[in-house]
N, C-alpha and C. Protein backbone atom coordinates (compact mmCIF):
# COMPACT_ATOMS: atom_id res chain seq x y z
N GLN A 1 -7.11 7.72 55.99
CA GLN A 1 -7.16 8.90 55.10
C GLN A 1 -8.50 9.60 55.34
N VAL A 2 -9.09 10.13 54.27
CA VAL A 2 -10.36 10.82 54.35
C VAL A 2 -11.34 10.16 53.41
N GLN A 3 -12.54 9.89 53.91
CA GLN A 3 -13.59 9.30 53.09
C GLN A 3 -14.83 10.20 53.13
N LEU A 4 -15.47 10.31 51.98
CA LEU A 4 -16.70 11.08 51.86
C LEU A 4 -17.81 10.14 51.41
N VAL A 5 -18.89 10.07 52.18
CA VAL A 5 -20.01 9.20 51.86
C VAL A 5 -21.23 10.06 51.57
N GLU A 6 -21.76 9.92 50.36
CA GLU A 6 -22.90 10.70 49.93
C GLU A 6 -24.20 9.90 50.06
N SER A 7 -25.29 10.61 50.26
CA SER A 7 -26.60 9.99 50.33
C SER A 7 -27.66 11.03 49.96
N GLY A 8 -28.87 10.56 49.72
CA GLY A 8 -29.99 11.45 49.48
C GLY A 8 -30.45 11.54 48.04
N GLY A 9 -29.72 10.94 47.12
CA GLY A 9 -30.13 10.97 45.74
C GLY A 9 -31.33 10.07 45.49
N GLY A 10 -31.89 10.18 44.31
CA GLY A 10 -33.03 9.36 43.96
C GLY A 10 -33.83 9.95 42.83
N LEU A 11 -35.05 9.45 42.68
CA LEU A 11 -35.96 9.89 41.63
C LEU A 11 -36.98 10.86 42.20
N VAL A 12 -37.16 11.97 41.51
CA VAL A 12 -38.11 12.98 41.95
C VAL A 12 -38.79 13.59 40.73
N GLN A 13 -40.03 14.03 40.89
CA GLN A 13 -40.76 14.66 39.80
C GLN A 13 -40.31 16.10 39.60
N PRO A 14 -40.46 16.63 38.40
CA PRO A 14 -40.14 18.04 38.17
C PRO A 14 -40.88 18.93 39.16
N GLY A 15 -40.17 19.92 39.70
CA GLY A 15 -40.74 20.79 40.70
C GLY A 15 -40.57 20.29 42.12
N GLY A 16 -40.11 19.07 42.26
CA GLY A 16 -39.93 18.49 43.57
C GLY A 16 -38.62 18.88 44.21
N SER A 17 -38.34 18.27 45.36
CA SER A 17 -37.15 18.60 46.15
C SER A 17 -36.42 17.36 46.61
N LEU A 18 -35.13 17.51 46.79
CA LEU A 18 -34.27 16.50 47.38
C LEU A 18 -33.22 17.20 48.22
N ARG A 19 -32.72 16.49 49.22
CA ARG A 19 -31.60 17.00 50.00
C ARG A 19 -30.48 15.98 49.99
N LEU A 20 -29.34 16.37 49.45
CA LEU A 20 -28.17 15.53 49.42
C LEU A 20 -27.32 15.77 50.66
N SER A 21 -26.70 14.70 51.15
CA SER A 21 -25.81 14.80 52.29
C SER A 21 -24.47 14.19 51.94
N CYS A 22 -23.42 14.71 52.54
CA CYS A 22 -22.08 14.19 52.34
C CYS A 22 -21.35 14.26 53.67
N ALA A 23 -21.05 13.11 54.24
CA ALA A 23 -20.39 13.04 55.53
C ALA A 23 -18.92 12.67 55.35
N ALA A 24 -18.05 13.47 55.93
CA ALA A 24 -16.62 13.24 55.86
C ALA A 24 -16.12 12.58 57.14
N SER A 25 -15.19 11.65 56.99
CA SER A 25 -14.59 10.99 58.13
C SER A 25 -13.13 10.69 57.84
N GLY A 26 -12.38 10.40 58.90
CA GLY A 26 -10.97 10.09 58.75
C GLY A 26 -10.08 11.19 59.30
N SER A 27 -8.94 11.36 58.67
CA SER A 27 -7.95 12.33 59.12
C SER A 27 -8.28 13.72 58.59
N ILE A 28 -9.20 14.35 59.27
CA ILE A 28 -9.65 15.68 58.87
C ILE A 28 -8.93 16.73 59.72
N TYR A 29 -8.30 17.66 59.04
CA TYR A 29 -7.60 18.74 59.73
C TYR A 29 -8.35 20.04 59.50
N SER A 30 -7.80 20.90 58.69
CA SER A 30 -8.41 22.20 58.45
C SER A 30 -9.17 22.19 57.13
N ILE A 31 -10.49 22.29 57.20
CA ILE A 31 -11.33 22.33 56.01
C ILE A 31 -11.44 23.77 55.53
N SER A 32 -11.02 24.00 54.31
CA SER A 32 -11.11 25.35 53.75
C SER A 32 -12.40 25.56 52.98
N ALA A 33 -12.93 24.49 52.37
CA ALA A 33 -14.16 24.62 51.60
C ALA A 33 -14.80 23.26 51.39
N MET A 34 -16.11 23.28 51.18
CA MET A 34 -16.87 22.11 50.82
C MET A 34 -17.72 22.47 49.61
N ARG A 35 -17.78 21.57 48.64
CA ARG A 35 -18.42 21.88 47.38
C ARG A 35 -19.27 20.72 46.88
N TRP A 36 -20.20 21.05 45.99
CA TRP A 36 -20.95 20.07 45.25
C TRP A 36 -20.73 20.29 43.76
N TYR A 37 -20.41 19.22 43.06
CA TYR A 37 -20.28 19.22 41.61
C TYR A 37 -21.31 18.25 41.03
N ARG A 38 -21.53 18.36 39.74
CA ARG A 38 -22.37 17.37 39.07
C ARG A 38 -21.81 17.09 37.68
N GLN A 39 -22.07 15.89 37.19
CA GLN A 39 -21.59 15.49 35.88
C GLN A 39 -22.58 14.53 35.26
N ALA A 40 -23.15 14.94 34.14
CA ALA A 40 -24.05 14.10 33.37
C ALA A 40 -23.25 13.34 32.32
N PRO A 41 -23.78 12.20 31.84
CA PRO A 41 -23.06 11.42 30.83
C PRO A 41 -22.70 12.25 29.61
N GLY A 42 -21.44 12.19 29.21
CA GLY A 42 -20.98 12.92 28.05
C GLY A 42 -20.79 14.41 28.27
N GLU A 43 -20.99 14.86 29.49
CA GLU A 43 -20.86 16.28 29.79
C GLU A 43 -19.69 16.54 30.73
N GLU A 44 -19.27 17.78 30.78
CA GLU A 44 -18.19 18.16 31.67
C GLU A 44 -18.69 18.25 33.10
N ARG A 45 -17.79 18.02 34.03
CA ARG A 45 -18.12 18.20 35.43
C ARG A 45 -18.20 19.68 35.73
N GLU A 46 -19.25 20.08 36.44
CA GLU A 46 -19.46 21.48 36.70
C GLU A 46 -19.73 21.74 38.18
N LEU A 47 -19.26 22.86 38.65
CA LEU A 47 -19.48 23.26 40.03
C LEU A 47 -20.93 23.69 40.22
N VAL A 48 -21.55 23.19 41.27
CA VAL A 48 -22.93 23.53 41.58
C VAL A 48 -22.98 24.58 42.69
N ALA A 49 -22.28 24.33 43.78
CA ALA A 49 -22.30 25.23 44.92
C ALA A 49 -21.08 24.98 45.79
N ALA A 50 -20.70 25.99 46.55
CA ALA A 50 -19.56 25.88 47.44
C ALA A 50 -19.82 26.66 48.72
N ILE A 51 -19.21 26.21 49.80
CA ILE A 51 -19.31 26.92 51.06
C ILE A 51 -17.96 26.85 51.75
N THR A 52 -17.50 27.97 52.29
CA THR A 52 -16.22 28.02 52.97
C THR A 52 -16.40 27.68 54.44
N SER A 53 -15.27 27.51 55.12
CA SER A 53 -15.32 27.21 56.54
C SER A 53 -15.92 28.35 57.35
N ASP A 54 -15.91 29.55 56.78
CA ASP A 54 -16.51 30.71 57.44
C ASP A 54 -18.00 30.86 57.13
N GLY A 55 -18.51 30.00 56.25
CA GLY A 55 -19.92 30.04 55.93
C GLY A 55 -20.30 30.82 54.69
N PHE A 56 -19.33 31.35 53.97
CA PHE A 56 -19.62 32.06 52.73
C PHE A 56 -20.00 31.07 51.65
N THR A 57 -21.00 31.41 50.86
CA THR A 57 -21.51 30.52 49.83
C THR A 57 -21.35 31.10 48.44
N ASN A 58 -21.32 30.20 47.47
CA ASN A 58 -21.23 30.56 46.07
C ASN A 58 -22.02 29.54 45.27
N TYR A 59 -22.77 30.01 44.26
CA TYR A 59 -23.62 29.13 43.48
C TYR A 59 -23.42 29.34 42.00
N ALA A 60 -23.56 28.26 41.25
CA ALA A 60 -23.60 28.37 39.81
C ALA A 60 -24.88 29.08 39.40
N ASP A 61 -24.83 29.79 38.28
CA ASP A 61 -25.99 30.55 37.84
C ASP A 61 -27.22 29.68 37.63
N PHE A 62 -27.03 28.46 37.18
CA PHE A 62 -28.17 27.62 36.85
C PHE A 62 -28.90 27.05 38.06
N VAL A 63 -28.38 27.29 39.27
CA VAL A 63 -29.07 26.81 40.47
C VAL A 63 -29.42 27.92 41.44
N LYS A 64 -29.01 29.14 41.17
CA LYS A 64 -29.29 30.25 42.07
C LYS A 64 -30.79 30.42 42.27
N GLY A 65 -31.18 30.56 43.53
CA GLY A 65 -32.58 30.70 43.87
C GLY A 65 -33.31 29.40 44.05
N ARG A 66 -32.68 28.28 43.68
CA ARG A 66 -33.31 26.97 43.80
C ARG A 66 -32.58 26.05 44.78
N PHE A 67 -31.26 26.11 44.78
CA PHE A 67 -30.46 25.23 45.63
C PHE A 67 -29.85 26.01 46.79
N THR A 68 -29.64 25.33 47.90
CA THR A 68 -29.00 25.93 49.06
C THR A 68 -27.96 24.96 49.62
N ILE A 69 -26.73 25.43 49.77
CA ILE A 69 -25.69 24.62 50.37
C ILE A 69 -25.52 25.02 51.83
N SER A 70 -25.29 24.04 52.68
CA SER A 70 -25.10 24.30 54.09
C SER A 70 -24.18 23.23 54.66
N ARG A 71 -23.75 23.44 55.88
CA ARG A 71 -22.87 22.45 56.50
C ARG A 71 -23.11 22.35 57.99
N ASP A 72 -22.76 21.22 58.55
CA ASP A 72 -22.80 20.99 59.98
C ASP A 72 -21.38 20.65 60.38
N ASN A 73 -20.68 21.62 60.94
CA ASN A 73 -19.27 21.43 61.28
C ASN A 73 -19.05 20.32 62.31
N ALA A 74 -19.98 20.21 63.25
CA ALA A 74 -19.85 19.19 64.29
C ALA A 74 -19.90 17.78 63.71
N LYS A 75 -20.60 17.62 62.60
CA LYS A 75 -20.73 16.31 61.96
C LYS A 75 -19.87 16.16 60.71
N ASN A 76 -19.10 17.20 60.38
CA ASN A 76 -18.29 17.20 59.16
C ASN A 76 -19.14 16.80 57.95
N THR A 77 -20.29 17.40 57.86
CA THR A 77 -21.25 17.06 56.82
C THR A 77 -21.68 18.30 56.05
N VAL A 78 -21.76 18.16 54.75
CA VAL A 78 -22.24 19.23 53.89
C VAL A 78 -23.53 18.75 53.22
N TYR A 79 -24.47 19.67 53.06
CA TYR A 79 -25.77 19.36 52.48
C TYR A 79 -26.02 20.20 51.24
N LEU A 80 -26.87 19.69 50.39
CA LEU A 80 -27.35 20.45 49.25
C LEU A 80 -28.86 20.28 49.17
N GLN A 81 -29.58 21.33 49.54
CA GLN A 81 -31.03 21.32 49.44
C GLN A 81 -31.41 21.77 48.05
N MET A 82 -32.10 20.91 47.32
CA MET A 82 -32.46 21.18 45.93
C MET A 82 -33.97 21.30 45.82
N ASN A 83 -34.44 22.48 45.46
CA ASN A 83 -35.85 22.74 45.28
C ASN A 83 -36.13 23.09 43.82
N SER A 84 -37.40 23.04 43.46
CA SER A 84 -37.83 23.37 42.10
C SER A 84 -36.99 22.65 41.06
N LEU A 85 -36.81 21.37 41.26
CA LEU A 85 -35.94 20.59 40.38
C LEU A 85 -36.49 20.50 38.97
N LYS A 86 -35.57 20.54 38.02
CA LYS A 86 -35.88 20.45 36.60
C LYS A 86 -35.25 19.19 36.02
N SER A 87 -35.75 18.78 34.86
CA SER A 87 -35.21 17.59 34.23
C SER A 87 -33.72 17.76 33.92
N GLU A 88 -33.30 18.97 33.61
CA GLU A 88 -31.90 19.21 33.31
C GLU A 88 -30.99 19.14 34.53
N ASP A 89 -31.58 19.02 35.72
CA ASP A 89 -30.79 18.81 36.92
C ASP A 89 -30.37 17.35 37.07
N THR A 90 -30.93 16.49 36.23
CA THR A 90 -30.57 15.08 36.27
C THR A 90 -29.07 14.91 36.03
N SER A 91 -28.41 14.27 36.98
CA SER A 91 -26.96 14.13 36.89
C SER A 91 -26.47 13.29 38.07
N VAL A 92 -25.20 12.97 38.05
CA VAL A 92 -24.54 12.40 39.21
C VAL A 92 -23.90 13.55 39.98
N TYR A 93 -24.22 13.64 41.25
CA TYR A 93 -23.72 14.72 42.08
C TYR A 93 -22.59 14.22 42.98
N TYR A 94 -21.50 14.96 42.97
CA TYR A 94 -20.32 14.61 43.75
C TYR A 94 -20.01 15.70 44.77
N CYS A 95 -19.72 15.30 45.99
CA CYS A 95 -19.27 16.27 46.97
C CYS A 95 -17.75 16.31 46.99
N ASN A 96 -17.23 17.43 47.40
CA ASN A 96 -15.79 17.67 47.43
C ASN A 96 -15.45 18.43 48.70
N VAL A 97 -14.40 17.97 49.37
CA VAL A 97 -13.91 18.65 50.56
C VAL A 97 -12.46 19.04 50.33
N GLU A 98 -12.16 20.30 50.56
CA GLU A 98 -10.81 20.83 50.38
C GLU A 98 -10.17 21.03 51.74
N LEU A 99 -9.07 20.33 51.96
CA LEU A 99 -8.33 20.45 53.21
C LEU A 99 -7.07 21.27 53.00
N ARG A 100 -6.80 22.16 53.92
CA ARG A 100 -5.60 22.98 53.83
C ARG A 100 -4.41 22.22 54.38
N ARG A 101 -3.33 22.18 53.61
CA ARG A 101 -2.08 21.55 54.02
C ARG A 101 -1.05 22.62 54.35
N TYR A 102 0.13 22.16 54.76
CA TYR A 102 1.20 23.09 55.10
C TYR A 102 1.67 23.87 53.88
N ASP A 103 1.57 23.25 52.70
CA ASP A 103 2.08 23.86 51.49
C ASP A 103 1.02 24.03 50.40
N GLY A 104 -0.24 23.88 50.75
CA GLY A 104 -1.28 24.03 49.76
C GLY A 104 -2.59 23.41 50.21
N TYR A 105 -3.29 22.77 49.28
CA TYR A 105 -4.60 22.19 49.54
C TYR A 105 -4.70 20.80 48.94
N THR A 106 -5.56 19.98 49.53
CA THR A 106 -5.82 18.64 49.04
C THR A 106 -7.33 18.43 48.93
N ASP A 107 -7.78 17.92 47.79
CA ASP A 107 -9.19 17.67 47.55
C ASP A 107 -9.54 16.19 47.73
N TYR A 108 -10.69 15.95 48.33
CA TYR A 108 -11.23 14.60 48.46
C TYR A 108 -12.63 14.59 47.88
N TRP A 109 -12.99 13.44 47.28
CA TRP A 109 -14.25 13.34 46.55
C TRP A 109 -15.13 12.22 47.07
N GLY A 110 -16.43 12.46 47.03
CA GLY A 110 -17.39 11.42 47.35
C GLY A 110 -17.58 10.48 46.18
N GLN A 111 -18.35 9.42 46.40
CA GLN A 111 -18.53 8.40 45.37
C GLN A 111 -19.55 8.80 44.31
N GLY A 112 -20.30 9.84 44.57
CA GLY A 112 -21.33 10.28 43.64
C GLY A 112 -22.68 9.69 43.99
N THR A 113 -23.72 10.47 43.80
CA THR A 113 -25.09 9.99 44.02
C THR A 113 -25.96 10.45 42.86
N GLN A 114 -26.77 9.53 42.35
CA GLN A 114 -27.59 9.81 41.17
C GLN A 114 -28.84 10.59 41.55
N VAL A 115 -29.08 11.67 40.83
CA VAL A 115 -30.32 12.43 40.95
C VAL A 115 -31.02 12.38 39.60
N THR A 116 -32.24 11.88 39.60
CA THR A 116 -33.03 11.80 38.38
C THR A 116 -34.33 12.56 38.56
N VAL A 117 -34.56 13.53 37.69
CA VAL A 117 -35.78 14.34 37.73
C VAL A 117 -36.62 13.98 36.52
N SER A 118 -37.74 13.34 36.76
CA SER A 118 -38.57 12.85 35.67
C SER A 118 -40.00 12.66 36.16
N SER A 119 -40.94 12.89 35.25
CA SER A 119 -42.34 12.67 35.56
C SER A 119 -42.79 11.28 35.16
């Protein structure tokens, strides 16, 4: 099938930076989009950033100007560069890959990686 392995999370001070990576492997066909979500305890899962196969990007308002999503098609990997981190960015971050099927789309999810922003 398809597996997504995330890495790059950890502890960082406010104002610091982290780069998350998500590598996809398995039966990968046509990728329509790659996304990053986050979910804090007791909170709803929210979209952070997305990038299409053509390279178009979209960001949630709360990360615009601070986060950058990118991808390496040769490695089937999506990245999230996080700068100027705030304590409210503390969350579990999940990557998502959307594959186009003959009759629609199928989503695959990473295992999640913890990001903690604290002094």
